[in-house]
């Protein structure tokens, strides 16, 4: 399992679990791991928070892990 650092984030890495290489052409499922002091800046994605709603993450107790499933399209974080 290969984790990669998330651009713009602090102490946060991700790993693609399911994607086009697995025969899933329409979505990508990722596992995020956030360490001590980790966080994501305010951005627009869906966690299941209404689509387009600004949100951010801050680790209270590390490690914090979550799964993220997104439509298969260019991966970019749009900062607010």
C-alpha atoms as a PDB file:
ATOM      1  CA  UNK A   1       0.000   0.000   0.000  1.00  0.00           C
ATOM      2  CA  UNK A   2       1.494   3.295  -1.130  1.00  0.00           C
ATOM      3  CA  UNK A   3       0.450   6.500   0.611  1.00  0.00           C
ATOM      4  CA  UNK A   4       1.135   9.856  -1.049  1.00  0.00           C
ATOM      5  CA  UNK A   5       1.236  13.290   0.584  1.00  0.00           C
ATOM      6  CA  UNK A   6      -1.830  15.452  -0.161  1.00  0.00           C
ATOM      7  CA  UNK A   7      -0.960  18.821  -1.726  1.00  0.00           C
ATOM      8  CA  UNK A   8      -2.014  21.765   0.438  1.00  0.00           C
ATOM      9  CA  UNK A   9      -2.642  19.568   3.485  1.00  0.00           C
ATOM     10  CA  UNK A  10      -0.718  19.162   6.737  1.00  0.00           C
ATOM     11  CA  UNK A  11       0.390  15.684   7.880  1.00  0.00           C
ATOM     12  CA  UNK A  12      -2.143  14.085   5.512  1.00  0.00           C
ATOM     13  CA  UNK A  13      -1.622  11.193   3.103  1.00  0.00           C
ATOM     14  CA  UNK A  14      -3.939   9.283   0.742  1.00  0.00           C
ATOM     15  CA  UNK A  15      -4.074   5.926  -0.995  1.00  0.00           C
ATOM     16  CA  UNK A  16      -6.321   5.033  -3.951  1.00  0.00           C
ATOM     17  CA  UNK A  17      -8.322   1.902  -3.011  1.00  0.00           C
ATOM     18  CA  UNK A  18     -10.582   1.649  -6.084  1.00  0.00           C
ATOM     19  CA  UNK A  19     -10.280   3.514  -9.352  1.00  0.00           C
ATOM     20  CA  UNK A  20     -10.120   3.157 -13.136  1.00  0.00           C
ATOM     21  CA  UNK A  21      -7.266   0.650 -12.825  1.00  0.00           C
ATOM     22  CA  UNK A  22      -9.734  -1.614 -10.975  1.00  0.00           C
ATOM     23  CA  UNK A  23     -12.477  -1.333 -13.583  1.00  0.00           C
ATOM     24  CA  UNK A  24     -14.320   1.559 -11.882  1.00  0.00           C
ATOM     25  CA  UNK A  25     -14.460   4.209 -14.635  1.00  0.00           C
ATOM     26  CA  UNK A  26     -16.901   6.568 -12.874  1.00  0.00           C
ATOM     27  CA  UNK A  27     -15.501   7.003  -9.349  1.00  0.00           C
ATOM     28  CA  UNK A  28     -12.409   6.783  -7.153  1.00  0.00           C
ATOM     29  CA  UNK A  29     -12.387   5.580  -3.534  1.00  0.00           C
ATOM     30  CA  UNK A  30      -9.482   6.795  -1.418  1.00  0.00           C
ATOM     31  CA  UNK A  31      -8.279   6.216   2.136  1.00  0.00           C
ATOM     32  CA  UNK A  32      -6.934   9.326   3.882  1.00  0.00           C
ATOM     33  CA  UNK A  33      -4.656   9.142   6.929  1.00  0.00           C
ATOM     34  CA  UNK A  34      -4.154  12.296   8.984  1.00  0.00           C
ATOM     35  CA  UNK A  35      -1.412  12.446  11.586  1.00  0.00           C
ATOM     36  CA  UNK A  36      -0.870  14.586  14.679  1.00  0.00           C
ATOM     37  CA  UNK A  37      -1.678  18.192  13.780  1.00  0.00           C
ATOM     38  CA  UNK A  38      -2.935  17.072  10.382  1.00  0.00           C
ATOM     39  CA  UNK A  39      -5.550  18.949   8.463  1.00  0.00           C
ATOM     40  CA  UNK A  40      -7.004  19.977   5.136  1.00  0.00           C
ATOM     41  CA  UNK A  41      -7.546  23.614   4.232  1.00  0.00           C
ATOM     42  CA  UNK A  42     -11.080  24.836   3.591  1.00  0.00           C
ATOM     43  CA  UNK A  43     -12.053  23.483   0.168  1.00  0.00           C
ATOM     44  CA  UNK A  44     -15.000  22.283  -1.939  1.00  0.00           C
ATOM     45  CA  UNK A  45     -15.606  18.542  -2.081  1.00  0.00           C
ATOM     46  CA  UNK A  46     -18.239  16.203  -0.688  1.00  0.00           C
ATOM     47  CA  UNK A  47     -17.933  14.114   2.471  1.00  0.00           C
ATOM     48  CA  UNK A  48     -21.458  13.724   2.674  1.00  0.00           C
ATOM     49  CA  UNK A  49     -21.825  17.331   3.209  1.00  0.00           C
ATOM     50  CA  UNK A  50     -24.041  18.983   0.593  1.00  0.00           C
ATOM     51  CA  UNK A  51     -22.047  19.293  -2.636  1.00  0.00           C
ATOM     52  CA  UNK A  52     -20.116  22.530  -2.880  1.00  0.00           C
ATOM     53  CA  UNK A  53     -20.440  23.373   0.827  1.00  0.00           C
ATOM     54  CA  UNK A  54     -17.140  24.773   2.152  1.00  0.00           C
ATOM     55  CA  UNK A  55     -15.584  22.534   4.820  1.00  0.00           C
ATOM     56  CA  UNK A  56     -12.230  21.712   6.410  1.00  0.00           C
ATOM     57  CA  UNK A  57     -10.705  19.036   8.641  1.00  0.00           C
ATOM     58  CA  UNK A  58      -8.608  19.259  11.799  1.00  0.00           C
ATOM     59  CA  UNK A  59      -7.253  16.250  13.675  1.00  0.00           C
ATOM     60  CA  UNK A  60      -8.273  16.186  17.342  1.00  0.00           C
ATOM     61  CA  UNK A  61      -6.826  12.737  18.078  1.00  0.00           C
ATOM     62  CA  UNK A  62      -4.318  11.104  15.705  1.00  0.00           C
ATOM     63  CA  UNK A  63      -4.254   9.089  13.676  1.00  0.00           C
ATOM     64  CA  UNK A  64      -7.541   9.949  11.994  1.00  0.00           C
ATOM     65  CA  UNK A  65      -8.568   7.951   8.916  1.00  0.00           C
ATOM     66  CA  UNK A  66     -11.525   8.219   6.568  1.00  0.00           C
ATOM     67  CA  UNK A  67     -12.679   6.975   3.177  1.00  0.00           C
ATOM     68  CA  UNK A  68     -13.562   9.369   0.388  1.00  0.00           C
ATOM     69  CA  UNK A  69     -15.466   8.442  -2.771  1.00  0.00           C
ATOM     70  CA  UNK A  70     -15.486  11.007  -5.570  1.00  0.00           C
ATOM     71  CA  UNK A  71     -16.539  11.105  -9.230  1.00  0.00           C
ATOM     72  CA  UNK A  72     -13.712  10.193 -11.613  1.00  0.00           C
ATOM     73  CA  UNK A  73     -12.487  13.525 -12.944  1.00  0.00           C
ATOM     74  CA  UNK A  74      -9.474  15.760 -12.526  1.00  0.00           C
ATOM     75  CA  UNK A  75      -8.405  15.805  -8.870  1.00  0.00           C
ATOM     76  CA  UNK A  76      -8.115  19.352  -7.600  1.00  0.00           C
ATOM     77  CA  UNK A  77      -8.747  21.094  -4.317  1.00  0.00           C
ATOM     78  CA  UNK A  78     -10.469  24.433  -4.808  1.00  0.00           C
ATOM     79  CA  UNK A  79      -9.506  26.562  -1.810  1.00  0.00           C
ATOM     80  CA  UNK A  80     -12.047  29.015  -0.451  1.00  0.00           C
END
